[in-house]
Amino acid sequence: MIPREDHGISRSDISENALKVLYRLHKAGYQAYLVGGGVRDILLDQQPKDFDVATNATPEEIKNLFRNCRLIGRRFRLAHILFGRDVVEVATLRGHHAEEGDNTTAAQSKQGMLLRDNVYGTIEEDAERRDFTVNALYYDISDFSVRDFVGGMDDLEDRIIRLIGDPETRYREDPVRMLRAVRFAVKLEMDIEQDTAQPIEDLAHLLRDIPAARLYEESLKLLQSGQGLATYRMLRDYGLFEQLFPLIGEHFTEDKSSQCEQMLELVLDATDKRMANDQRINPAFLFAAMLWYPLTTRAEEIAFNSGLSYYDAFMISANDILDEQVRSTAIPRRFTAMIRDIWQNQMRLTRRTGKRAFKLLEQPKFRASFDLLEMRAELEGDDVKELASWWHVFQNADRVKKQKMVQIVNQTGGAPAKKKRRRPPRKKPRKPAQRTEE
């Protein structure tokens, strides 16, 4: 137990709604602790993203105590206390698993993955059940002390991500912990402890057994965290990225020189910059850019093998790529529809004759489509660069200039206008000298 005077957490660092939950639980006679990332981030002088609470009250007791409570989850039973858009998550302290044969509260698969885990216990047992030491620190609202049962304070000071318990066993219980190890290491600028890191590459394939919906949520946390590029690089080092995006993994090379790999670097770097500037992030654009070269490669294969036109092959490929990707990470339908629009607009951006350019400019997905075109221009040939340059000028031009630009396109049949080169005047060939015969 670390008393109030020996740690840096103040109630002023905790959200008002989280304090309301802590105080009401304590007043009702239950243990109440702020736990996890909220405690960790305050100790690191960072602003917590959210605040989680742990208590010895059961989910049903929590629901009886809070009218604004909603119980969620089957695998892990949790209580969400709702304050408008703000949600305080409350979990009952977890204990060690029941004896074999009792599968009413806990269950595991043959591979060791936890399928259900609603065994309740003490705070000491709960700490042993958490994933990493830096996430197993408890702020006690009763005396404002911090409870540390697993050496989390030392690892915070040493800047180490360390798994609690045997790493292989804990990864088999929940393979997503491998993704979390990487995310925390990058986010907190820490190193993954050697024993924690060692099994990851060999066990990466276990992620294939995780529900695709859960992996979609994890992929957003990984790639839209503000450190997406660094996270991608570390995920790749451990063989984890291709488990989330197997179609992209097919384009990986030893020297990381493929267009697909270069596009990943471009789009993730751009996403990080937008996050740093508090700009809006659209997951549809991110996935559209990441999957662009798997799409075009598949389209070329279909066109070559079937004899279909490239456009028809492109449309078939778009459906195939999305269908396959959704099996790994369940991208919601509202985003897959946007991804299709962005991809199809790459074809439409080449057709600028008549009124097409004006109509395309009015489409809601034009800006995202143009952004992808600009990224492609950095990786592809002069034709794409010239096309991107044309659209850059066109969208910022006034109406008169737009019409003149389209007229030039109409005259050239849709090809980008090129400056005419003046040919040098032809020189008349010299007459060969007449030879005189002796």
Protein backbone atom coordinates (compact mmCIF):
# COMPACT_ATOMS: atom_id res chain seq x y z
CA MET A 1 0.00 0.00 0.00
CA ILE A 2 1.43 3.36 -1.07
CA PRO A 3 0.00 6.16 1.11
CA ARG A 4 -1.36 9.42 -0.29
CA GLU A 5 1.80 11.41 0.43
CA ASP A 6 4.00 8.98 -1.54
CA HIS A 7 2.24 9.06 -4.93
CA GLY A 8 1.15 11.77 -7.35
CA ILE A 9 -2.58 11.05 -7.77
CA SER A 10 -5.03 13.77 -6.75
CA ARG A 11 -8.82 13.66 -6.91
CA SER A 12 -8.61 16.75 -9.13
CA ASP A 13 -7.03 14.48 -11.78
CA ILE A 14 -10.11 12.21 -11.81
CA SER A 15 -13.30 13.00 -13.73
CA GLU A 16 -16.30 14.19 -11.77
CA ASN A 17 -18.45 11.27 -12.98
CA ALA A 18 -15.84 8.66 -12.00
CA LEU A 19 -15.66 10.22 -8.52
CA LYS A 20 -19.48 10.03 -8.24
CA VAL A 21 -19.35 6.29 -8.96
CA LEU A 22 -16.48 5.70 -6.52
CA TYR A 23 -18.14 7.63 -3.70
CA ARG A 24 -21.56 6.00 -4.15
CA LEU A 25 -20.07 2.50 -4.10
CA HIS A 26 -18.00 3.36 -1.01
CA LYS A 27 -20.98 4.94 0.76
CA ALA A 28 -23.04 1.80 0.08
CA GLY A 29 -20.42 -0.30 1.88
CA TYR A 30 -18.55 -1.70 -1.12
CA GLN A 31 -14.85 -1.50 -1.95
CA ALA A 32 -14.24 0.98 -4.76
CA TYR A 33 -11.02 1.50 -6.70
CA LEU A 34 -9.95 3.51 -9.72
CA VAL A 35 -7.94 1.02 -11.75
CA GLY A 36 -6.10 0.45 -15.02
CA GLY A 37 -5.15 3.09 -17.57
CA GLY A 38 -6.61 5.97 -15.54
CA VAL A 39 -4.23 5.33 -12.63
CA ARG A 40 -1.29 4.56 -14.94
CA ASP A 41 -1.69 7.71 -17.05
CA ILE A 42 -2.06 10.05 -14.05
CA LEU A 43 1.14 8.62 -12.55
CA LEU A 44 2.85 9.25 -15.92
CA ASP A 45 1.55 12.86 -15.96
CA GLN A 46 -0.66 12.10 -18.96
CA GLN A 47 -4.35 12.86 -19.49
CA PRO A 48 -6.38 9.63 -19.12
CA LYS A 49 -8.68 8.80 -22.00
CA ASP A 50 -11.23 7.18 -19.67
CA PHE A 51 -11.63 6.05 -16.07
CA ASP A 52 -12.42 2.46 -15.05
CA VAL A 53 -13.64 1.35 -11.63
CA ALA A 54 -13.25 -1.99 -9.83
CA THR A 55 -15.44 -3.06 -6.91
CA ASN A 56 -16.44 -6.13 -4.90
CA ALA A 57 -20.10 -5.45 -5.75
CA THR A 58 -21.57 -7.89 -8.28
CA PRO A 59 -22.97 -6.59 -11.60
CA GLU A 60 -26.52 -7.04 -10.30
CA GLU A 61 -25.71 -5.11 -7.09
CA ILE A 62 -24.18 -2.33 -9.16
CA LYS A 63 -27.32 -2.14 -11.31
CA ASN A 64 -29.50 -1.86 -8.20
CA LEU A 65 -27.33 1.00 -6.96
CA PHE A 66 -27.31 3.05 -10.19
CA ARG A 67 -30.43 3.80 -12.20
CA ASN A 68 -28.25 4.90 -15.13
CA CYS A 69 -26.56 1.48 -15.31
CA ARG A 70 -26.47 -0.97 -18.22
CA LEU A 71 -25.02 -4.47 -17.92
CA ILE A 72 -23.07 -5.71 -20.95
CA GLY A 73 -20.96 -8.68 -22.04
CA ARG A 74 -21.16 -12.42 -21.75
CA ARG A 75 -17.49 -13.32 -21.66
CA PHE A 76 -16.76 -10.57 -19.13
CA ARG A 77 -19.83 -9.24 -17.29
CA LEU A 78 -19.46 -5.46 -16.94
CA ALA A 79 -21.55 -2.51 -15.79
CA HIS A 80 -21.61 0.74 -17.75
CA ILE A 81 -22.70 3.80 -15.75
CA LEU A 82 -24.02 6.33 -18.26
CA PHE A 83 -23.64 10.10 -17.82
CA GLY A 84 -24.84 11.33 -21.20
CA ARG A 85 -22.03 10.49 -23.62
CA ASP A 86 -19.59 9.82 -20.78
CA VAL A 87 -19.44 6.18 -19.68
CA VAL A 88 -17.74 4.92 -16.52
CA GLU A 89 -17.02 1.20 -16.77
CA VAL A 90 -17.34 -0.77 -13.53
CA ALA A 91 -16.03 -4.34 -13.19
CA THR A 92 -16.41 -6.73 -10.31
CA LEU A 93 -13.10 -7.88 -8.80
CA ARG A 94 -12.19 -11.17 -10.48
CA GLY A 95 -10.89 -14.31 -8.83
CA HIS A 96 -9.13 -17.48 -9.91
CA HIS A 97 -11.06 -20.02 -11.98
CA ALA A 98 -13.42 -22.48 -10.35
CA GLU A 99 -12.69 -26.17 -10.18
CA GLU A 100 -12.79 -28.24 -13.36
CA GLY A 101 -16.27 -29.29 -14.32
CA ASP A 102 -17.91 -26.05 -13.18
CA ASN A 103 -18.52 -24.21 -16.45
CA THR A 104 -21.34 -21.98 -15.27
CA THR A 105 -19.08 -19.00 -14.50
CA ALA A 106 -15.86 -19.75 -16.43
CA ALA A 107 -14.95 -21.74 -19.52
CA GLN A 108 -11.88 -22.21 -21.71
CA SER A 109 -11.35 -23.60 -25.20
CA LYS A 110 -9.02 -26.54 -25.88
CA GLN A 111 -6.37 -24.01 -26.95
CA GLY A 112 -6.60 -22.27 -23.57
CA MET A 113 -8.65 -19.24 -24.68
CA LEU A 114 -11.08 -17.88 -22.10
CA LEU A 115 -14.63 -18.20 -23.39
CA ARG A 116 -16.37 -17.06 -20.21
CA ASP A 117 -14.86 -15.49 -17.11
CA ASN A 118 -17.25 -14.35 -14.40
CA VAL A 119 -15.44 -15.70 -11.34
CA TYR A 120 -15.33 -13.07 -8.60
CA GLY A 121 -12.67 -12.70 -5.91
CA THR A 122 -10.47 -10.36 -3.89
CA ILE A 123 -8.43 -7.36 -4.98
CA GLU A 124 -5.23 -9.44 -4.73
CA GLU A 125 -6.69 -12.09 -7.04
CA ASP A 126 -8.01 -9.40 -9.38
CA ALA A 127 -4.51 -7.92 -9.71
CA GLU A 128 -3.11 -11.33 -10.68
CA ARG A 129 -5.82 -11.70 -13.32
CA ARG A 130 -5.02 -8.39 -15.07
CA ASP A 131 -2.80 -8.33 -18.14
CA PHE A 132 0.19 -6.02 -17.53
CA THR A 133 1.76 -4.82 -14.30
CA VAL A 134 1.39 -1.14 -15.24
CA ASN A 135 -2.38 -1.70 -15.62
CA ALA A 136 -2.77 -3.41 -12.23
CA LEU A 137 -2.55 -0.36 -9.95
CA TYR A 138 -5.54 0.52 -7.75
CA TYR A 139 -6.42 3.94 -6.30
CA ASP A 140 -8.51 3.34 -3.15
CA ILE A 141 -11.18 6.01 -2.62
CA SER A 142 -11.49 5.09 1.08
CA ASP A 143 -8.01 6.31 2.08
CA PHE A 144 -6.59 7.72 -1.21
CA SER A 145 -3.76 5.16 -1.24
CA VAL A 146 -2.45 3.21 -4.25
CA ARG A 147 -2.41 -0.60 -4.03
CA ASP A 148 0.32 -2.41 -5.99
CA PHE A 149 0.47 -6.22 -5.79
CA VAL A 150 2.56 -7.02 -8.91
CA GLY A 151 5.37 -4.44 -9.10
CA GLY A 152 3.56 -2.05 -11.40
CA MET A 153 5.09 1.07 -9.83
CA ASP A 154 8.62 -0.25 -10.44
CA ASP A 155 7.81 -1.11 -14.07
CA LEU A 156 6.32 2.36 -14.61
CA GLU A 157 9.55 3.87 -13.33
CA ASP A 158 11.67 1.50 -15.49
CA ARG A 159 9.30 2.03 -18.48
CA ILE A 160 8.68 -1.67 -19.06
CA ILE A 161 5.61 -3.50 -20.37
CA ARG A 162 5.53 -6.78 -18.43
CA LEU A 163 2.82 -9.45 -18.60
CA ILE A 164 1.55 -10.80 -15.27
CA GLY A 165 2.03 -14.57 -15.00
CA ASP A 166 3.35 -17.00 -17.60
CA PRO A 167 3.33 -15.15 -20.95
CA GLU A 168 2.40 -18.12 -23.16
CA THR A 169 -0.50 -19.10 -20.87
CA ARG A 170 -1.78 -15.53 -20.70
CA TYR A 171 -1.57 -15.06 -24.48
CA ARG A 172 -3.44 -18.31 -25.05
CA GLU A 173 -6.16 -17.13 -22.62
CA ASP A 174 -6.62 -13.99 -24.72
CA PRO A 175 -4.47 -13.55 -27.86
CA VAL A 176 -5.50 -9.88 -28.12
CA ARG A 177 -3.03 -9.28 -25.27
CA MET A 178 -0.27 -9.49 -27.90
CA LEU A 179 -1.82 -6.52 -29.71
CA ARG A 180 -2.23 -4.65 -26.42
CA ALA A 181 1.44 -5.21 -25.53
CA VAL A 182 2.48 -3.50 -28.76
CA ARG A 183 -0.08 -0.70 -28.40
CA PHE A 184 0.99 0.17 -24.86
CA ALA A 185 4.70 -0.06 -25.71
CA VAL A 186 4.30 2.46 -28.54
CA LYS A 187 1.79 4.72 -26.77
CA LEU A 188 3.75 4.94 -23.50
CA GLU A 189 7.18 4.85 -25.19
CA MET A 190 8.16 1.77 -23.22
CA ASP A 191 9.98 -1.48 -23.99
CA ILE A 192 8.30 -4.89 -23.96
CA GLU A 193 10.04 -7.03 -21.35
CA GLN A 194 12.04 -9.91 -22.88
CA ASP A 195 9.95 -12.82 -21.50
CA THR A 196 6.75 -10.96 -22.46
CA ALA A 197 7.96 -10.43 -26.03
CA GLN A 198 9.54 -13.85 -26.67
CA PRO A 199 6.37 -15.95 -27.43
CA ILE A 200 4.55 -13.34 -29.52
CA GLU A 201 5.82 -14.26 -32.98
CA ASP A 202 5.16 -17.98 -32.46
CA LEU A 203 1.65 -17.37 -31.09
CA ALA A 204 0.60 -14.63 -33.53
CA HIS A 205 -1.56 -17.11 -35.47
CA LEU A 206 -3.91 -17.40 -32.47
CA LEU A 207 -5.42 -14.07 -33.47
CA ARG A 208 -7.21 -15.88 -36.30
CA ASP A 209 -9.53 -17.39 -33.67
CA ILE A 210 -10.59 -13.98 -32.32
CA PRO A 211 -14.01 -12.69 -33.53
CA ALA A 212 -13.58 -10.35 -36.49
CA ALA A 213 -15.71 -7.65 -34.82
CA ARG A 214 -13.33 -7.49 -31.87
CA LEU A 215 -10.29 -7.31 -34.14
CA TYR A 216 -11.88 -4.43 -36.03
CA GLU A 217 -12.17 -2.44 -32.80
CA GLU A 218 -8.59 -3.31 -31.89
CA SER A 219 -7.34 -2.28 -35.34
CA LEU A 220 -8.82 1.20 -34.85
CA LYS A 221 -7.13 1.53 -31.46
CA LEU A 222 -3.83 0.48 -33.03
CA LEU A 223 -3.88 2.53 -36.23
CA GLN A 224 -5.89 5.60 -35.18
CA SER A 225 -4.12 6.23 -31.90
CA GLY A 226 -1.87 9.01 -33.13
CA GLN A 227 1.08 6.60 -33.30
CA GLY A 228 -0.27 4.42 -36.11
CA LEU A 229 2.93 4.31 -38.17
CA ALA A 230 5.17 3.28 -35.26
CA THR A 231 2.53 0.77 -34.14
CA TYR A 232 2.33 -0.77 -37.64
CA ARG A 233 6.11 -1.18 -37.74
CA MET A 234 6.20 -2.94 -34.37
CA LEU A 235 3.20 -5.13 -35.24
CA ARG A 236 5.03 -6.18 -38.37
CA ASP A 237 8.23 -6.96 -36.45
CA TYR A 238 6.25 -9.46 -34.35
CA GLY A 239 4.27 -10.94 -37.26
CA LEU A 240 0.98 -9.55 -35.94
CA PHE A 241 -0.04 -7.14 -38.68
CA GLU A 242 -0.60 -9.79 -41.32
CA GLN A 243 -2.97 -11.60 -38.94
CA LEU A 244 -5.23 -8.54 -39.03
CA PHE A 245 -4.72 -7.82 -42.74
CA PRO A 246 -3.69 -11.05 -44.51
CA LEU A 247 -4.29 -9.55 -47.97
CA ILE A 248 -1.75 -6.84 -47.24
CA GLY A 249 0.67 -9.39 -45.81
CA GLU A 250 0.83 -11.02 -49.25
CA HIS A 251 2.52 -7.83 -50.53
CA PHE A 252 5.22 -7.68 -47.85
CA THR A 253 8.80 -7.77 -49.10
CA GLU A 254 12.14 -8.10 -47.31
CA ASP A 255 13.22 -4.57 -48.21
CA LYS A 256 9.70 -3.11 -47.71
CA SER A 257 9.76 -1.62 -51.19
CA SER A 258 6.43 -2.69 -52.69
CA GLN A 259 3.86 -0.04 -53.56
CA CYS A 260 1.51 -1.54 -50.97
CA GLU A 261 4.10 -1.13 -48.21
CA GLN A 262 4.93 2.40 -49.31
CA MET A 263 1.22 3.28 -49.30
CA LEU A 264 0.92 1.97 -45.72
CA GLU A 265 3.72 4.31 -44.65
CA LEU A 266 2.10 7.27 -46.43
CA VAL A 267 -1.44 6.83 -45.16
CA LEU A 268 -0.47 6.02 -41.56
CA ASP A 269 1.89 8.98 -41.41
CA ALA A 270 -0.88 11.24 -42.76
CA THR A 271 -3.32 9.80 -40.19
CA ASP A 272 -0.90 10.51 -37.34
CA LYS A 273 -0.52 14.11 -38.51
CA ARG A 274 -4.30 14.59 -38.65
CA MET A 275 -4.62 13.18 -35.12
CA ALA A 276 -1.92 15.58 -33.89
CA ASN A 277 -3.87 18.48 -35.41
CA ASP A 278 -7.21 17.29 -33.93
CA GLN A 279 -8.61 16.72 -37.43
CA ARG A 280 -11.36 14.24 -38.22
CA ILE A 281 -10.34 10.70 -39.14
CA ASN A 282 -12.44 8.50 -41.44
CA PRO A 283 -11.70 4.76 -41.08
CA ALA A 284 -13.10 4.19 -44.59
CA PHE A 285 -10.34 6.28 -46.16
CA LEU A 286 -7.66 4.52 -44.11
CA PHE A 287 -8.82 1.05 -45.19
CA ALA A 288 -9.40 2.16 -48.80
CA ALA A 289 -5.79 3.34 -49.06
CA MET A 290 -4.33 0.32 -47.25
CA LEU A 291 -6.16 -2.15 -49.50
CA TRP A 292 -5.74 -0.25 -52.80
CA TYR A 293 -2.83 -2.27 -54.18
CA PRO A 294 -4.24 -5.67 -53.13
CA LEU A 295 -7.34 -4.53 -55.06
CA THR A 296 -5.54 -3.48 -58.25
CA THR A 297 -3.30 -6.56 -58.23
CA ARG A 298 -6.35 -8.82 -57.95
CA ALA A 299 -8.15 -6.86 -60.71
CA GLU A 300 -5.21 -7.31 -63.10
CA GLU A 301 -5.11 -11.05 -62.37
CA ILE A 302 -8.85 -11.43 -63.00
CA ALA A 303 -8.69 -9.40 -66.23
CA PHE A 304 -5.74 -11.44 -67.52
CA ASN A 305 -7.19 -14.85 -66.65
CA SER A 306 -10.82 -14.22 -67.64
CA GLY A 307 -10.54 -11.86 -70.59
CA LEU A 308 -12.93 -9.40 -68.91
CA SER A 309 -12.43 -5.68 -69.33
CA TYR A 310 -10.34 -4.07 -66.61
CA TYR A 311 -13.37 -2.16 -65.32
CA ASP A 312 -15.42 -5.34 -64.86
CA ALA A 313 -12.45 -7.09 -63.27
CA PHE A 314 -11.98 -4.09 -60.96
CA MET A 315 -15.58 -4.27 -59.72
CA ILE A 316 -15.35 -8.02 -59.09
CA SER A 317 -12.04 -7.54 -57.29
CA ALA A 318 -13.49 -4.81 -55.05
CA ASN A 319 -16.19 -7.17 -53.81
CA ASP A 320 -13.75 -10.05 -53.33
CA ILE A 321 -11.21 -7.97 -51.41
CA LEU A 322 -13.78 -6.55 -49.02
CA ASP A 323 -15.43 -9.94 -48.47
CA GLU A 324 -12.07 -11.48 -47.57
CA GLN A 325 -10.96 -8.61 -45.34
CA VAL A 326 -14.21 -8.57 -43.39
CA ARG A 327 -13.54 -12.18 -42.34
CA SER A 328 -10.45 -10.97 -40.46
CA THR A 329 -11.56 -7.53 -39.30
CA ALA A 330 -15.30 -6.93 -39.50
CA ILE A 331 -15.37 -3.49 -41.11
CA PRO A 332 -18.96 -2.19 -40.70
CA ARG A 333 -21.14 -2.00 -43.80
CA ARG A 334 -21.39 1.80 -43.63
CA PHE A 335 -17.61 1.94 -44.10
CA THR A 336 -17.37 -0.76 -46.78
CA ALA A 337 -19.87 1.27 -48.84
CA MET A 338 -17.63 4.34 -48.52
CA ILE A 339 -14.56 2.29 -49.43
CA ARG A 340 -16.25 1.13 -52.64
CA ASP A 341 -17.13 4.75 -53.50
CA ILE A 342 -13.55 5.91 -52.97
CA TRP A 343 -12.22 3.04 -55.12
CA GLN A 344 -14.75 3.56 -57.93
CA ASN A 345 -13.96 7.27 -57.97
CA GLN A 346 -10.36 6.44 -58.81
CA MET A 347 -11.75 5.23 -62.15
CA ARG A 348 -14.10 8.21 -62.49
CA LEU A 349 -11.31 10.73 -61.84
CA THR A 350 -9.78 9.80 -65.19
CA ARG A 351 -13.04 10.71 -67.03
CA ARG A 352 -13.26 14.48 -67.20
CA THR A 353 -15.02 15.16 -70.49
CA GLY A 354 -18.38 16.91 -70.76
CA LYS A 355 -19.99 17.56 -67.37
CA ARG A 356 -18.36 14.61 -65.64
CA ALA A 357 -15.71 16.64 -63.85
CA PHE A 358 -18.30 19.06 -62.44
CA LYS A 359 -20.57 16.24 -61.25
CA LEU A 360 -17.71 14.33 -59.61
CA LEU A 361 -16.60 17.46 -57.78
CA GLU A 362 -20.05 17.61 -56.11
CA GLN A 363 -19.90 14.04 -54.79
CA PRO A 364 -19.63 13.69 -50.98
CA LYS A 365 -16.66 11.30 -51.30
CA PHE A 366 -14.74 13.49 -53.75
CA ARG A 367 -12.29 14.87 -51.19
CA ALA A 368 -11.36 11.44 -49.82
CA SER A 369 -11.06 10.12 -53.38
CA PHE A 370 -8.78 12.99 -54.37
CA ASP A 371 -6.61 12.45 -51.28
CA LEU A 372 -6.08 8.84 -52.32
CA LEU A 373 -5.25 9.98 -55.87
CA GLU A 374 -2.59 12.32 -54.46
CA MET A 375 -1.04 9.50 -52.45
CA ARG A 376 -1.03 7.28 -55.52
CA ALA A 377 0.70 10.09 -57.44
CA GLU A 378 3.65 9.79 -55.06
CA LEU A 379 4.05 6.10 -55.90
CA GLU A 380 2.87 5.67 -59.48
CA GLY A 381 3.81 7.05 -62.91
CA ASP A 382 3.69 10.48 -64.51
CA ASP A 383 0.13 9.96 -65.79
CA VAL A 384 -1.23 9.73 -62.23
CA LYS A 385 0.88 12.71 -61.12
CA GLU A 386 -0.47 14.77 -64.02
CA LEU A 387 -4.03 13.70 -63.25
CA ALA A 388 -3.68 14.62 -59.56
CA SER A 389 -2.19 17.99 -60.52
CA TRP A 390 -5.12 18.67 -62.90
CA TRP A 391 -7.71 17.94 -60.18
CA HIS A 392 -5.80 20.05 -57.66
CA VAL A 393 -6.02 23.06 -59.98
CA PHE A 394 -9.59 22.30 -61.10
CA GLN A 395 -11.17 22.15 -57.64
CA ASN A 396 -9.59 25.48 -56.63
CA ALA A 397 -10.34 27.31 -59.90
CA ASP A 398 -13.22 29.67 -60.59
CA ARG A 399 -16.10 28.68 -62.87
CA VAL A 400 -14.61 30.22 -66.03
CA LYS A 401 -11.25 28.55 -65.57
CA LYS A 402 -12.94 25.22 -64.83
CA GLN A 403 -14.84 25.42 -68.12
CA LYS A 404 -11.65 26.21 -70.05
CA MET A 405 -9.87 23.27 -68.43
CA VAL A 406 -12.69 20.91 -69.40
CA GLN A 407 -12.70 22.29 -72.96
CA ILE A 408 -9.01 21.42 -73.28
CA VAL A 409 -9.74 17.92 -71.98
CA ASN A 410 -12.55 17.54 -74.51
CA GLN A 411 -10.18 18.51 -77.32
CA THR A 412 -7.55 16.02 -76.22
CA GLY A 413 -10.05 13.19 -75.76
CA GLY A 414 -9.67 13.01 -71.98
CA ALA A 415 -5.90 12.74 -71.91
CA PRO A 416 -4.07 15.34 -69.80
CA ALA A 417 -3.13 18.35 -71.88
CA LYS A 418 0.50 18.52 -72.81
CA LYS A 419 2.52 21.49 -73.94
CA LYS A 420 3.28 21.39 -77.62
CA ARG A 421 6.92 21.26 -78.43
CA ARG A 422 8.11 23.39 -81.32
CA ARG A 423 10.01 21.27 -83.73
CA PRO A 424 13.22 22.73 -85.07
CA PRO A 425 13.01 23.55 -88.80
CA ARG A 426 14.07 20.72 -91.04
CA LYS A 427 17.36 21.16 -92.76
CA LYS A 428 17.40 20.42 -96.45
CA PRO A 429 19.58 17.41 -97.15
CA ARG A 430 22.73 18.23 -98.95
CA LYS A 431 23.05 16.98 -102.47
CA PRO A 432 25.79 14.41 -102.70
CA ALA A 433 28.82 15.70 -104.52
CA GLN A 434 29.04 14.45 -108.10
CA ARG A 435 31.93 12.19 -108.62
CA THR A 436 33.88 12.69 -111.81
CA GLU A 437 35.20 9.62 -113.43
CA GLU A 438 38.76 9.74 -114.56
